[in-house]
C-alpha atoms as a PDB file:
ATOM      1  CA  MET A   1     101.008 156.842  95.787  1.00  0.00           C
ATOM      2  CA  LYS A   2     101.727 159.053  92.677  1.00  0.00           C
ATOM      3  CA  GLU A   3     105.300 157.687  92.894  1.00  0.00           C
ATOM      4  CA  THR A   4     104.529 154.023  92.996  1.00  0.00           C
ATOM      5  CA  GLY A   5     100.761 153.740  92.535  1.00  0.00           C
ATOM      6  CA  ASN A   6      98.543 151.428  94.456  1.00  0.00           C
ATOM      7  CA  ALA A   7     100.334 148.297  93.942  1.00  0.00           C
ATOM      8  CA  GLY A   8     103.546 150.076  95.448  1.00  0.00           C
ATOM      9  CA  LEU A   9     102.291 151.609  98.484  1.00  0.00           C
ATOM     10  CA  ASP A  10     103.188 149.506 101.671  1.00  0.00           C
ATOM     11  CA  MET A  11     103.495 150.317 105.131  1.00  0.00           C
ATOM     12  CA  ARG A  12     107.241 149.790 105.142  1.00  0.00           C
ATOM     13  CA  LYS A  13     107.725 152.247 102.265  1.00  0.00           C
ATOM     14  CA  LEU A  14     105.437 154.717 103.678  1.00  0.00           C
ATOM     15  CA  ALA A  15     107.530 154.765 106.998  1.00  0.00           C
ATOM     16  CA  HIS A  16     110.807 154.723 104.904  1.00  0.00           C
ATOM     17  CA  ARG A  17     109.421 157.921 102.736  1.00  0.00           C
ATOM     18  CA  ALA A  18     108.213 159.570 106.266  1.00  0.00           C
ATOM     19  CA  ASP A  19     111.413 158.789 107.975  1.00  0.00           C
ATOM     20  CA  MET A  20     109.701 157.144 110.664  1.00  0.00           C
ATOM     21  CA  ARG A  21     109.728 153.576 112.147  1.00  0.00           C
ATOM     22  CA  LEU A  22     107.217 151.282 110.839  1.00  0.00           C
ATOM     23  CA  SER A  23     105.869 150.809 114.481  1.00  0.00           C
ATOM     24  CA  ASN A  24     105.199 154.715 114.533  1.00  0.00           C
ATOM     25  CA  VAL A  25     103.430 154.559 111.240  1.00  0.00           C
ATOM     26  CA  GLN A  26     101.513 151.622 112.533  1.00  0.00           C
ATOM     27  CA  SER A  27     100.232 153.547 115.618  1.00  0.00           C
ATOM     28  CA  TYR A  28      98.497 156.102 113.375  1.00  0.00           C
ATOM     29  CA  PHE A  29      97.254 153.564 110.811  1.00  0.00           C
ATOM     30  CA  LYS A  30      96.345 150.287 111.735  1.00  0.00           C
ATOM     31  CA  SER A  31      96.108 149.054 108.281  1.00  0.00           C
ATOM     32  CA  ARG A  32      96.938 149.884 104.657  1.00  0.00           C
ATOM     33  CA  ASP A  33      93.467 150.664 103.944  1.00  0.00           C
ATOM     34  CA  ASP A  34      93.452 153.290 106.844  1.00  0.00           C
ATOM     35  CA  VAL A  35      96.360 154.829 105.032  1.00  0.00           C
ATOM     36  CA  LEU A  36      94.392 154.879 101.682  1.00  0.00           C
ATOM     37  CA  MET A  37      91.237 156.472 103.538  1.00  0.00           C
ATOM     38  CA  ALA A  38      93.412 159.230 104.971  1.00  0.00           C
ATOM     39  CA  MET A  39      95.304 159.979 101.585  1.00  0.00           C
ATOM     40  CA  ALA A  40      91.824 159.975  99.779  1.00  0.00           C
ATOM     41  CA  THR A  41      90.261 162.053 102.239  1.00  0.00           C
ATOM     42  CA  ARG A  42      93.110 164.556 102.246  1.00  0.00           C
ATOM     43  CA  TYR A  43      93.133 164.495  98.523  1.00  0.00           C
ATOM     44  CA  PHE A  44      89.472 165.311  98.144  1.00  0.00           C
ATOM     45  CA  ALA A  45      89.662 167.950 100.659  1.00  0.00           C
ATOM     46  CA  GLU A  46      92.441 169.556  98.836  1.00  0.00           C
ATOM     47  CA  CYS A  47      90.564 169.479  95.506  1.00  0.00           C
ATOM     48  CA  THR A  48      87.564 170.789  97.101  1.00  0.00           C
ATOM     49  CA  SER A  49      89.622 173.776  98.452  1.00  0.00           C
ATOM     50  CA  GLN A  50      91.265 174.485  95.155  1.00  0.00           C
ATOM     51  CA  VAL A  51      88.025 174.563  93.096  1.00  0.00           C
ATOM     52  CA  GLN A  52      86.512 176.994  95.929  1.00  0.00           C
ATOM     53  CA  LEU A  53      89.593 179.557  95.686  1.00  0.00           C
ATOM     54  CA  LEU A  54      89.118 179.634  91.959  1.00  0.00           C
ATOM     55  CA  THR A  55      85.322 180.424  92.040  1.00  0.00           C
ATOM     56  CA  VAL A  56      84.997 182.263  95.184  1.00  0.00           C
ATOM     57  CA  ASP A  57      86.780 185.417  94.067  1.00  0.00           C
ATOM     58  CA  ASN A  58      84.213 185.734  91.231  1.00  0.00           C
ATOM     59  CA  PRO A  59      80.881 184.466  92.515  1.00  0.00           C
ATOM     60  CA  ASN A  60      79.152 186.774  89.847  1.00  0.00           C
ATOM     61  CA  LEU A  61      80.617 184.836  86.837  1.00  0.00           C
ATOM     62  CA  ALA A  62      78.462 182.696  84.509  1.00  0.00           C
ATOM     63  CA  LEU A  63      78.768 178.926  85.015  1.00  0.00           C
ATOM     64  CA  ARG A  64      80.434 178.713  81.475  1.00  0.00           C
ATOM     65  CA  GLU A  65      83.257 181.417  82.511  1.00  0.00           C
ATOM     66  CA  ARG A  66      83.869 179.803  85.869  1.00  0.00           C
ATOM     67  CA  ALA A  67      84.352 176.399  83.769  1.00  0.00           C
ATOM     68  CA  ARG A  68      86.582 178.169  81.521  1.00  0.00           C
ATOM     69  CA  VAL A  69      88.614 179.554  84.330  1.00  0.00           C
ATOM     70  CA  LEU A  70      88.945 176.281  85.924  1.00  0.00           C
ATOM     71  CA  ILE A  71      90.276 174.656  82.524  1.00  0.00           C
ATOM     72  CA  LEU A  72      92.893 177.463  81.919  1.00  0.00           C
ATOM     73  CA  THR A  73      94.215 177.071  85.469  1.00  0.00           C
ATOM     74  CA  GLY A  74      94.590 173.250  85.023  1.00  0.00           C
ATOM     75  CA  LEU A  75      96.366 173.941  81.750  1.00  0.00           C
ATOM     76  CA  HIS A  76      98.585 176.561  83.134  1.00  0.00           C
ATOM     77  CA  ASN A  77      99.674 174.081  85.991  1.00  0.00           C
ATOM     78  CA  GLY A  78     100.335 171.043  83.443  1.00  0.00           C
ATOM     79  CA  ASP A  79     102.776 169.162  85.969  1.00  0.00           C
ATOM     80  CA  ASP A  80     100.762 169.619  89.140  1.00  0.00           C
ATOM     81  CA  VAL A  81      97.799 168.453  87.077  1.00  0.00           C
ATOM     82  CA  SER A  82      99.532 165.499  86.063  1.00  0.00           C
ATOM     83  CA  ASP A  83     100.421 164.481  89.444  1.00  0.00           C
ATOM     84  CA  ILE A  84      96.624 165.101  90.487  1.00  0.00           C
ATOM     85  CA  TYR A  85      95.465 162.879  87.813  1.00  0.00           C
ATOM     86  CA  ARG A  86      97.804 160.080  88.551  1.00  0.00           C
ATOM     87  CA  ILE A  87      96.568 159.966  92.185  1.00  0.00           C
ATOM     88  CA  PHE A  88      92.938 160.445  90.832  1.00  0.00           C
ATOM     89  CA  ARG A  89      93.317 157.418  88.575  1.00  0.00           C
ATOM     90  CA  GLU A  90      94.870 155.271  91.507  1.00  0.00           C
ATOM     91  CA  LEU A  91      91.890 156.190  93.568  1.00  0.00           C
ATOM     92  CA  TRP A  92      89.354 155.358  90.901  1.00  0.00           C
ATOM     93  CA  ALA A  93      90.914 152.025  90.617  1.00  0.00           C
ATOM     94  CA  ILE A  94      90.927 151.517  94.338  1.00  0.00           C
ATOM     95  CA  SER A  95      87.391 152.423  94.460  1.00  0.00           C
ATOM     96  CA  SER A  96      86.103 149.351  92.528  1.00  0.00           C
ATOM     97  CA  ARG A  97      87.218 147.185  95.269  1.00  0.00           C
ATOM     98  CA  ASN A  98      87.182 149.299  98.406  1.00  0.00           C
ATOM     99  CA  ASP A  99      83.809 150.251  99.471  1.00  0.00           C
ATOM    100  CA  ALA A 100      84.887 153.056 101.765  1.00  0.00           C
ATOM    101  CA  ILE A 101      86.936 154.870  98.945  1.00  0.00           C
ATOM    102  CA  ARG A 102      84.147 154.488  96.421  1.00  0.00           C
ATOM    103  CA  ASP A 103      81.762 156.111  99.219  1.00  0.00           C
ATOM    104  CA  LEU A 104      84.351 158.943  99.728  1.00  0.00           C
ATOM    105  CA  MET A 105      84.652 159.385  95.938  1.00  0.00           C
ATOM    106  CA  ALA A 106      80.897 159.332  95.586  1.00  0.00           C
ATOM    107  CA  ASP A 107      80.544 162.026  98.416  1.00  0.00           C
ATOM    108  CA  TYR A 108      83.133 164.314  96.729  1.00  0.00           C
ATOM    109  CA  TYR A 109      81.304 164.243  93.427  1.00  0.00           C
END
């Protein structure tokens, strides 16, 4: 999704990118929406994991200091953050017309 955006995501491209047959991909994901849900679920789980890693080591830090650590970490990892934002932007757009993605995003927040 970070390479082609939501509009460029289809089952054939996914199969090609994963070096799998289309029928194999379709046995795991019955529809494009299933792929989007799996991607969004993994994305938000990874985001949660990263935030927890950044804050668990310093549970006694004040909220302001924790926020500063998160921001500085983001600034130091600019390229990775750019990809994360690109994916988030796509998921946000999808959530306006996909109830399952919208609910997943709301649960994350």
